[in-house]
Amino acid sequence: MTDHPHTSDEIRRRRLLFRATHRGTHETDLLIGGFVAARLGSLSAADMDALEEIMELPDTFLADWLTGRMPIPPDVDSPMLRAIKDAAGA
């Protein structure tokens, strides 16, 4: 059996970073990508799960919620989304 140079967690982290920085709009790339980049090495499996859920949300809504232009609706509110919003300074 050969050793793999990257663990599945490392691959998952790199994919999360790519998705966070290539969202489709520059504003969310900066807001989410900056948050993920700063914390990439310390994310737990639960954190990565929460981020993956956030990545499924539309950019237009995310930008409004993360900048404080609109409140985060209760059905998508989560500690991770709040942490990203807090890090964005909104």
PDB file of N, CA and C in Angstrom:
ATOM      1  N   MET A   1       0.844  -1.180   0.000  1.00  0.00           N
ATOM      2  CA  MET A   1       0.000   0.000   0.000  1.00  0.00           C
ATOM      3  C   MET A   1       0.886   1.238   0.000  1.00  0.00           C
ATOM      4  N   THR A   2       0.533   2.208  -0.799  1.00  0.00           N
ATOM      5  CA  THR A   2       1.342   3.419  -0.881  1.00  0.00           C
ATOM      6  C   THR A   2       0.764   4.499   0.022  1.00  0.00           C
ATOM      7  N   ASP A   3       1.637   5.344   0.511  1.00  0.00           N
ATOM      8  CA  ASP A   3       1.197   6.475   1.326  1.00  0.00           C
ATOM      9  C   ASP A   3       0.651   7.564   0.420  1.00  0.00           C
ATOM     10  N   HIS A   4      -0.417   8.194   0.862  1.00  0.00           N
ATOM     11  CA  HIS A   4      -0.987   9.306   0.115  1.00  0.00           C
ATOM     12  C   HIS A   4      -0.372  10.600   0.634  1.00  0.00           C
ATOM     13  N   PRO A   5       0.029  11.494  -0.272  1.00  0.00           N
ATOM     14  CA  PRO A   5       0.695  12.720   0.172  1.00  0.00           C
ATOM     15  C   PRO A   5      -0.243  13.698   0.876  1.00  0.00           C
ATOM     16  N   HIS A   6      -1.534  13.558   0.694  1.00  0.00           N
ATOM     17  CA  HIS A   6      -2.484  14.486   1.298  1.00  0.00           C
ATOM     18  C   HIS A   6      -3.583  13.704   2.001  1.00  0.00           C
ATOM     19  N   THR A   7      -3.953  14.148   3.180  1.00  0.00           N
ATOM     20  CA  THR A   7      -5.056  13.516   3.884  1.00  0.00           C
ATOM     21  C   THR A   7      -6.369  14.024   3.319  1.00  0.00           C
ATOM     22  N   SER A   8      -7.432  13.306   3.602  1.00  0.00           N
ATOM     23  CA  SER A   8      -8.739  13.740   3.111  1.00  0.00           C
ATOM     24  C   SER A   8      -9.127  15.087   3.720  1.00  0.00           C
ATOM     25  N   ASP A   9      -8.723  15.357   4.975  1.00  0.00           N
ATOM     26  CA  ASP A   9      -9.004  16.656   5.586  1.00  0.00           C
ATOM     27  C   ASP A   9      -8.277  17.782   4.852  1.00  0.00           C
ATOM     28  N   GLU A  10      -7.032  17.541   4.455  1.00  0.00           N
ATOM     29  CA  GLU A  10      -6.282  18.562   3.719  1.00  0.00           C
ATOM     30  C   GLU A  10      -6.942  18.856   2.377  1.00  0.00           C
ATOM     31  N   ILE A  11      -7.371  17.822   1.700  1.00  0.00           N
ATOM     32  CA  ILE A  11      -8.040  17.992   0.412  1.00  0.00           C
ATOM     33  C   ILE A  11      -9.351  18.745   0.611  1.00  0.00           C
ATOM     34  N   ARG A  12     -10.079  18.376   1.636  1.00  0.00           N
ATOM     35  CA  ARG A  12     -11.345  19.053   1.921  1.00  0.00           C
ATOM     36  C   ARG A  12     -11.122  20.522   2.228  1.00  0.00           C
ATOM     37  N   ARG A  13     -10.092  20.839   2.987  1.00  0.00           N
ATOM     38  CA  ARG A  13      -9.774  22.236   3.309  1.00  0.00           C
ATOM     39  C   ARG A  13      -9.425  23.024   2.040  1.00  0.00           C
ATOM     40  N   ARG A  14      -8.626  22.437   1.167  1.00  0.00           N
ATOM     41  CA  ARG A  14      -8.262  23.119  -0.078  1.00  0.00           C
ATOM     42  C   ARG A  14      -9.484  23.356  -0.951  1.00  0.00           C
ATOM     43  N   ARG A  15     -10.379  22.390  -1.004  1.00  0.00           N
ATOM     44  CA  ARG A  15     -11.608  22.561  -1.785  1.00  0.00           C
ATOM     45  C   ARG A  15     -12.485  23.657  -1.186  1.00  0.00           C
ATOM     46  N   LEU A  16     -12.587  23.671   0.131  1.00  0.00           N
ATOM     47  CA  LEU A  16     -13.363  24.727   0.787  1.00  0.00           C
ATOM     48  C   LEU A  16     -12.786  26.102   0.486  1.00  0.00           C
ATOM     49  N   LEU A  17     -11.478  26.225   0.562  1.00  0.00           N
ATOM     50  CA  LEU A  17     -10.841  27.509   0.279  1.00  0.00           C
ATOM     51  C   LEU A  17     -11.107  27.927  -1.166  1.00  0.00           C
ATOM     52  N   PHE A  18     -10.982  26.997  -2.086  1.00  0.00           N
ATOM     53  CA  PHE A  18     -11.247  27.325  -3.488  1.00  0.00           C
ATOM     54  C   PHE A  18     -12.691  27.784  -3.664  1.00  0.00           C
ATOM     55  N   ARG A  19     -13.629  27.035  -3.110  1.00  0.00           N
ATOM     56  CA  ARG A  19     -15.050  27.405  -3.233  1.00  0.00           C
ATOM     57  C   ARG A  19     -15.330  28.745  -2.569  1.00  0.00           C
ATOM     58  N   ALA A  20     -14.661  29.011  -1.458  1.00  0.00           N
ATOM     59  CA  ALA A  20     -14.892  30.259  -0.734  1.00  0.00           C
ATOM     60  C   ALA A  20     -14.340  31.467  -1.477  1.00  0.00           C
ATOM     61  N   THR A  21     -13.325  31.265  -2.272  1.00  0.00           N
ATOM     62  CA  THR A  21     -12.702  32.382  -2.987  1.00  0.00           C
ATOM     63  C   THR A  21     -13.135  32.469  -4.444  1.00  0.00           C
ATOM     64  N   HIS A  22     -13.968  31.552  -4.870  1.00  0.00           N
ATOM     65  CA  HIS A  22     -14.472  31.545  -6.250  1.00  0.00           C
ATOM     66  C   HIS A  22     -15.986  31.385  -6.240  1.00  0.00           C
ATOM     67  N   ARG A  23     -16.654  32.248  -5.494  1.00  0.00           N
ATOM     68  CA  ARG A  23     -18.100  32.163  -5.308  1.00  0.00           C
ATOM     69  C   ARG A  23     -18.873  32.637  -6.525  1.00  0.00           C
ATOM     70  N   GLY A  24     -18.336  33.579  -7.228  1.00  0.00           N
ATOM     71  CA  GLY A  24     -19.055  34.129  -8.365  1.00  0.00           C
ATOM     72  C   GLY A  24     -19.176  35.632  -8.299  1.00  0.00           C
ATOM     73  N   THR A  25     -19.202  36.179  -7.098  1.00  0.00           N
ATOM     74  CA  THR A  25     -19.189  37.635  -6.961  1.00  0.00           C
ATOM     75  C   THR A  25     -17.988  38.025  -6.110  1.00  0.00           C
ATOM     76  N   HIS A  26     -17.390  39.121  -6.497  1.00  0.00           N
ATOM     77  CA  HIS A  26     -16.173  39.569  -5.810  1.00  0.00           C
ATOM     78  C   HIS A  26     -16.424  39.827  -4.324  1.00  0.00           C
ATOM     79  N   GLU A  27     -17.559  40.407  -4.004  1.00  0.00           N
ATOM     80  CA  GLU A  27     -17.865  40.747  -2.610  1.00  0.00           C
ATOM     81  C   GLU A  27     -17.899  39.500  -1.725  1.00  0.00           C
ATOM     82  N   THR A  28     -18.586  38.467  -2.156  1.00  0.00           N
ATOM     83  CA  THR A  28     -18.652  37.262  -1.326  1.00  0.00           C
ATOM     84  C   THR A  28     -17.331  36.495  -1.352  1.00  0.00           C
ATOM     85  N   ASP A  29     -16.595  36.587  -2.472  1.00  0.00           N
ATOM     86  CA  ASP A  29     -15.259  35.989  -2.500  1.00  0.00           C
ATOM     87  C   ASP A  29     -14.408  36.569  -1.369  1.00  0.00           C
ATOM     88  N   LEU A  30     -14.484  37.878  -1.206  1.00  0.00           N
ATOM     89  CA  LEU A  30     -13.694  38.538  -0.166  1.00  0.00           C
ATOM     90  C   LEU A  30     -14.209  38.218   1.233  1.00  0.00           C
ATOM     91  N   LEU A  31     -15.514  38.298   1.422  1.00  0.00           N
ATOM     92  CA  LEU A  31     -16.098  38.077   2.751  1.00  0.00           C
ATOM     93  C   LEU A  31     -15.904  36.642   3.227  1.00  0.00           C
ATOM     94  N   ILE A  32     -16.302  35.702   2.419  1.00  0.00           N
ATOM     95  CA  ILE A  32     -16.220  34.296   2.833  1.00  0.00           C
ATOM     96  C   ILE A  32     -14.801  33.773   2.659  1.00  0.00           C
ATOM     97  N   GLY A  33     -14.179  34.105   1.534  1.00  0.00           N
ATOM     98  CA  GLY A  33     -12.821  33.635   1.282  1.00  0.00           C
ATOM     99  C   GLY A  33     -11.833  34.114   2.322  1.00  0.00           C
ATOM    100  N   GLY A  34     -11.946  35.374   2.716  1.00  0.00           N
ATOM    101  CA  GLY A  34     -11.047  35.901   3.746  1.00  0.00           C
ATOM    102  C   GLY A  34     -11.226  35.199   5.075  1.00  0.00           C
ATOM    103  N   PHE A  35     -12.474  34.933   5.418  1.00  0.00           N
ATOM    104  CA  PHE A  35     -12.773  34.223   6.663  1.00  0.00           C
ATOM    105  C   PHE A  35     -12.168  32.822   6.636  1.00  0.00           C
ATOM    106  N   VAL A  36     -12.415  32.098   5.562  1.00  0.00           N
ATOM    107  CA  VAL A  36     -11.922  30.719   5.452  1.00  0.00           C
ATOM    108  C   VAL A  36     -10.400  30.696   5.411  1.00  0.00           C
ATOM    109  N   ALA A  37      -9.788  31.573   4.639  1.00  0.00           N
ATOM    110  CA  ALA A  37      -8.330  31.589   4.519  1.00  0.00           C
ATOM    111  C   ALA A  37      -7.655  31.812   5.870  1.00  0.00           C
ATOM    112  N   ALA A  38      -8.226  32.694   6.681  1.00  0.00           N
ATOM    113  CA  ALA A  38      -7.639  33.016   7.980  1.00  0.00           C
ATOM    114  C   ALA A  38      -7.761  31.879   8.988  1.00  0.00           C
ATOM    115  N   ARG A  39      -8.710  30.985   8.775  1.00  0.00           N
ATOM    116  CA  ARG A  39      -8.992  29.938   9.756  1.00  0.00           C
ATOM    117  C   ARG A  39      -8.828  28.521   9.209  1.00  0.00           C
ATOM    118  N   LEU A  40      -8.343  28.405   8.010  1.00  0.00           N
ATOM    119  CA  LEU A  40      -8.326  27.130   7.310  1.00  0.00           C
ATOM    120  C   LEU A  40      -7.709  25.996   8.118  1.00  0.00           C
ATOM    121  N   GLY A  41      -6.578  26.236   8.715  1.00  0.00           N
ATOM    122  CA  GLY A  41      -5.878  25.182   9.449  1.00  0.00           C
ATOM    123  C   GLY A  41      -6.539  24.760  10.742  1.00  0.00           C
ATOM    124  N   SER A  42      -7.413  25.594  11.284  1.00  0.00           N
ATOM    125  CA  SER A  42      -8.017  25.276  12.577  1.00  0.00           C
ATOM    126  C   SER A  42      -9.468  24.805  12.479  1.00  0.00           C
ATOM    127  N   LEU A  43      -9.981  24.640  11.269  1.00  0.00           N
ATOM    128  CA  LEU A  43     -11.370  24.220  11.112  1.00  0.00           C
ATOM    129  C   LEU A  43     -11.561  22.755  11.504  1.00  0.00           C
ATOM    130  N   SER A  44     -12.555  22.515  12.327  1.00  0.00           N
ATOM    131  CA  SER A  44     -12.902  21.140  12.688  1.00  0.00           C
ATOM    132  C   SER A  44     -13.778  20.545  11.584  1.00  0.00           C
ATOM    133  N   ALA A  45     -14.048  19.276  11.673  1.00  0.00           N
ATOM    134  CA  ALA A  45     -14.940  18.626  10.710  1.00  0.00           C
ATOM    135  C   ALA A  45     -16.330  19.264  10.765  1.00  0.00           C
ATOM    136  N   ALA A  46     -16.798  19.594  11.962  1.00  0.00           N
ATOM    137  CA  ALA A  46     -18.106  20.247  12.109  1.00  0.00           C
ATOM    138  C   ALA A  46     -18.094  21.634  11.481  1.00  0.00           C
ATOM    139  N   ASP A  47     -16.978  22.367  11.638  1.00  0.00           N
ATOM    140  CA  ASP A  47     -16.844  23.681  11.016  1.00  0.00           C
ATOM    141  C   ASP A  47     -16.910  23.559   9.493  1.00  0.00           C
ATOM    142  N   MET A  48     -16.218  22.556   8.967  1.00  0.00           N
ATOM    143  CA  MET A  48     -16.221  22.363   7.523  1.00  0.00           C
ATOM    144  C   MET A  48     -17.615  21.986   7.025  1.00  0.00           C
ATOM    145  N   ASP A  49     -18.322  21.177   7.801  1.00  0.00           N
ATOM    146  CA  ASP A  49     -19.715  20.844   7.446  1.00  0.00           C
ATOM    147  C   ASP A  49     -20.560  22.112   7.377  1.00  0.00           C
ATOM    148  N   ALA A  50     -20.410  22.975   8.384  1.00  0.00           N
ATOM    149  CA  ALA A  50     -21.189  24.216   8.442  1.00  0.00           C
ATOM    150  C   ALA A  50     -20.839  25.130   7.270  1.00  0.00           C
ATOM    151  N   LEU A  51     -19.566  25.216   6.935  1.00  0.00           N
ATOM    152  CA  LEU A  51     -19.156  26.045   5.804  1.00  0.00           C
ATOM    153  C   LEU A  51     -19.701  25.504   4.488  1.00  0.00           C
ATOM    154  N   GLU A  52     -19.697  24.198   4.343  1.00  0.00           N
ATOM    155  CA  GLU A  52     -20.232  23.603   3.118  1.00  0.00           C
ATOM    156  C   GLU A  52     -21.715  23.917   2.957  1.00  0.00           C
ATOM    157  N   GLU A  53     -22.444  23.948   4.054  1.00  0.00           N
ATOM    158  CA  GLU A  53     -23.860  24.329   3.987  1.00  0.00           C
ATOM    159  C   GLU A  53     -24.000  25.785   3.542  1.00  0.00           C
ATOM    160  N   ILE A  54     -23.172  26.649   4.080  1.00  0.00           N
ATOM    161  CA  ILE A  54     -23.213  28.061   3.711  1.00  0.00           C
ATOM    162  C   ILE A  54     -22.867  28.245   2.236  1.00  0.00           C
ATOM    163  N   MET A  55     -21.943  27.452   1.735  1.00  0.00           N
ATOM    164  CA  MET A  55     -21.536  27.559   0.333  1.00  0.00           C
ATOM    165  C   MET A  55     -22.688  27.267  -0.634  1.00  0.00           C
ATOM    166  N   GLU A  56     -23.708  26.592  -0.156  1.00  0.00           N
ATOM    167  CA  GLU A  56     -24.851  26.273  -1.009  1.00  0.00           C
ATOM    168  C   GLU A  56     -25.843  27.440  -1.117  1.00  0.00           C
ATOM    169  N   LEU A  57     -25.685  28.459  -0.294  1.00  0.00           N
ATOM    170  CA  LEU A  57     -26.606  29.597  -0.293  1.00  0.00           C
ATOM    171  C   LEU A  57     -26.254  30.569  -1.425  1.00  0.00           C
ATOM    172  N   PRO A  58     -27.252  31.247  -1.986  1.00  0.00           N
ATOM    173  CA  PRO A  58     -26.995  32.179  -3.088  1.00  0.00           C
ATOM    174  C   PRO A  58     -26.136  33.375  -2.671  1.00  0.00           C
ATOM    175  N   ASP A  59     -25.215  33.754  -3.545  1.00  0.00           N
ATOM    176  CA  ASP A  59     -24.318  34.878  -3.290  1.00  0.00           C
ATOM    177  C   ASP A  59     -25.047  36.173  -2.971  1.00  0.00           C
ATOM    178  N   THR A  60     -26.094  36.459  -3.701  1.00  0.00           N
ATOM    179  CA  THR A  60     -26.780  37.739  -3.495  1.00  0.00           C
ATOM    180  C   THR A  60     -27.315  37.854  -2.078  1.00  0.00           C
ATOM    181  N   PHE A  61     -27.875  36.777  -1.558  1.00  0.00           N
ATOM    182  CA  PHE A  61     -28.373  36.798  -0.185  1.00  0.00           C
ATOM    183  C   PHE A  61     -27.217  36.846   0.809  1.00  0.00           C
ATOM    184  N   LEU A  62     -26.202  36.046   0.572  1.00  0.00           N
ATOM    185  CA  LEU A  62     -25.050  36.029   1.477  1.00  0.00           C
ATOM    186  C   LEU A  62     -24.425  37.417   1.608  1.00  0.00           C
ATOM    187  N   ALA A  63     -24.240  38.087   0.506  1.00  0.00           N
ATOM    188  CA  ALA A  63     -23.641  39.421   0.553  1.00  0.00           C
ATOM    189  C   ALA A  63     -24.496  40.363   1.391  1.00  0.00           C
ATOM    190  N   ASP A  64     -25.797  40.316   1.205  1.00  0.00           N
ATOM    191  CA  ASP A  64     -26.693  41.182   1.982  1.00  0.00           C
ATOM    192  C   ASP A  64     -26.658  40.844   3.470  1.00  0.00           C
ATOM    193  N   TRP A  65     -26.650  39.571   3.798  1.00  0.00           N
ATOM    194  CA  TRP A  65     -26.639  39.159   5.207  1.00  0.00           C
ATOM    195  C   TRP A  65     -25.302  39.475   5.868  1.00  0.00           C
ATOM    196  N   LEU A  66     -24.205  39.196   5.164  1.00  0.00           N
ATOM    197  CA  LEU A  66     -22.880  39.362   5.758  1.00  0.00           C
ATOM    198  C   LEU A  66     -22.475  40.818   5.912  1.00  0.00           C
ATOM    199  N   THR A  67     -23.046  41.688   5.109  1.00  0.00           N
ATOM    200  CA  THR A  67     -22.740  43.111   5.227  1.00  0.00           C
ATOM    201  C   THR A  67     -23.736  43.839   6.117  1.00  0.00           C
ATOM    202  N   GLY A  68     -24.768  43.143   6.546  1.00  0.00           N
ATOM    203  CA  GLY A  68     -25.766  43.746   7.413  1.00  0.00           C
ATOM    204  C   GLY A  68     -26.837  44.525   6.674  1.00  0.00           C
ATOM    205  N   ARG A  69     -26.849  44.458   5.344  1.00  0.00           N
ATOM    206  CA  ARG A  69     -27.890  45.149   4.576  1.00  0.00           C
ATOM    207  C   ARG A  69     -29.262  44.540   4.821  1.00  0.00           C
ATOM    208  N   MET A  70     -29.268  43.239   5.121  1.00  0.00           N
ATOM    209  CA  MET A  70     -30.503  42.534   5.457  1.00  0.00           C
ATOM    210  C   MET A  70     -30.210  41.606   6.627  1.00  0.00           C
ATOM    211  N   PRO A  71     -31.199  41.392   7.502  1.00  0.00           N
ATOM    212  CA  PRO A  71     -30.981  40.451   8.602  1.00  0.00           C
ATOM    213  C   PRO A  71     -30.903  39.010   8.083  1.00  0.00           C
ATOM    214  N   ILE A  72     -30.176  38.193   8.801  1.00  0.00           N
ATOM    215  CA  ILE A  72     -30.090  36.777   8.449  1.00  0.00           C
ATOM    216  C   ILE A  72     -31.415  36.122   8.836  1.00  0.00           C
ATOM    217  N   PRO A  73     -32.076  35.463   7.889  1.00  0.00           N
ATOM    218  CA  PRO A  73     -33.348  34.811   8.219  1.00  0.00           C
ATOM    219  C   PRO A  73     -33.136  33.641   9.186  1.00  0.00           C
ATOM    220  N   PRO A  74     -34.098  33.414  10.065  1.00  0.00           N
ATOM    221  CA  PRO A  74     -33.950  32.348  11.057  1.00  0.00           C
ATOM    222  C   PRO A  74     -33.727  30.955  10.457  1.00  0.00           C
ATOM    223  N   ASP A  75     -34.272  30.694   9.280  1.00  0.00           N
ATOM    224  CA  ASP A  75     -34.143  29.355   8.705  1.00  0.00           C
ATOM    225  C   ASP A  75     -32.737  29.036   8.197  1.00  0.00           C
ATOM    226  N   VAL A  76     -31.874  30.044   8.033  1.00  0.00           N
ATOM    227  CA  VAL A  76     -30.498  29.793   7.615  1.00  0.00           C
ATOM    228  C   VAL A  76     -29.480  30.299   8.634  1.00  0.00           C
ATOM    229  N   ASP A  77     -29.960  30.924   9.700  1.00  0.00           N
ATOM    230  CA  ASP A  77     -29.062  31.461  10.720  1.00  0.00           C
ATOM    231  C   ASP A  77     -28.294  30.315  11.375  1.00  0.00           C
ATOM    232  N   SER A  78     -27.011  30.527  11.568  1.00  0.00           N
ATOM    233  CA  SER A  78     -26.171  29.510  12.198  1.00  0.00           C
ATOM    234  C   SER A  78     -24.987  30.197  12.870  1.00  0.00           C
ATOM    235  N   PRO A  79     -24.368  29.521  13.829  1.00  0.00           N
ATOM    236  CA  PRO A  79     -23.175  30.108  14.460  1.00  0.00           C
ATOM    237  C   PRO A  79     -22.071  30.415  13.434  1.00  0.00           C
ATOM    238  N   MET A  80     -21.914  29.570  12.422  1.00  0.00           N
ATOM    239  CA  MET A  80     -20.871  29.800  11.425  1.00  0.00           C
ATOM    240  C   MET A  80     -21.192  31.037  10.582  1.00  0.00           C
ATOM    241  N   LEU A  81     -22.431  31.195  10.174  1.00  0.00           N
ATOM    242  CA  LEU A  81     -22.808  32.368   9.393  1.00  0.00           C
ATOM    243  C   LEU A  81     -22.631  33.637  10.225  1.00  0.00           C
ATOM    244  N   ARG A  82     -22.963  33.569  11.502  1.00  0.00           N
ATOM    245  CA  ARG A  82     -22.759  34.711  12.403  1.00  0.00           C
ATOM    246  C   ARG A  82     -21.267  35.025  12.566  1.00  0.00           C
ATOM    247  N   ALA A  83     -20.453  33.981  12.645  1.00  0.00           N
ATOM    248  CA  ALA A  83     -18.994  34.198  12.787  1.00  0.00           C
ATOM    249  C   ALA A  83     -18.423  34.883  11.553  1.00  0.00           C
ATOM    250  N   ILE A  84     -18.895  34.495  10.369  1.00  0.00           N
ATOM    251  CA  ILE A  84     -18.425  35.138   9.152  1.00  0.00           C
ATOM    252  C   ILE A  84     -18.871  36.590   9.125  1.00  0.00           C
ATOM    253  N   LYS A  85     -20.111  36.825   9.514  1.00  0.00           N
ATOM    254  CA  LYS A  85     -20.643  38.200   9.550  1.00  0.00           C
ATOM    255  C   LYS A  85     -19.841  39.051  10.545  1.00  0.00           C
ATOM    256  N   ASP A  86     -19.575  38.503  11.718  1.00  0.00           N
ATOM    257  CA  ASP A  86     -18.796  39.238  12.721  1.00  0.00           C
ATOM    258  C   ASP A  86     -17.390  39.557  12.212  1.00  0.00           C
ATOM    259  N   ALA A  87     -16.784  38.593  11.533  1.00  0.00           N
ATOM    260  CA  ALA A  87     -15.445  38.805  10.988  1.00  0.00           C
ATOM    261  C   ALA A  87     -15.445  39.869   9.899  1.00  0.00           C
ATOM    262  N   ALA A  88     -16.579  39.996   9.202  1.00  0.00           N
ATOM    263  CA  ALA A  88     -16.695  41.009   8.145  1.00  0.00           C
ATOM    264  C   ALA A  88     -16.904  42.395   8.738  1.00  0.00           C
ATOM    265  N   GLY A  89     -17.180  42.449  10.034  1.00  0.00           N
ATOM    266  CA  GLY A  89     -17.364  43.729  10.686  1.00  0.00           C
ATOM    267  C   GLY A  89     -18.762  44.312  10.547  1.00  0.00           C
ATOM    268  N   ALA A  90     -19.714  43.502  10.143  1.00  0.00           N
ATOM    269  CA  ALA A  90     -21.087  43.992   9.963  1.00  0.00           C
ATOM    270  C   ALA A  90     -21.889  43.846  11.244  1.00  0.00           C
TER     271      ALA A  90
END
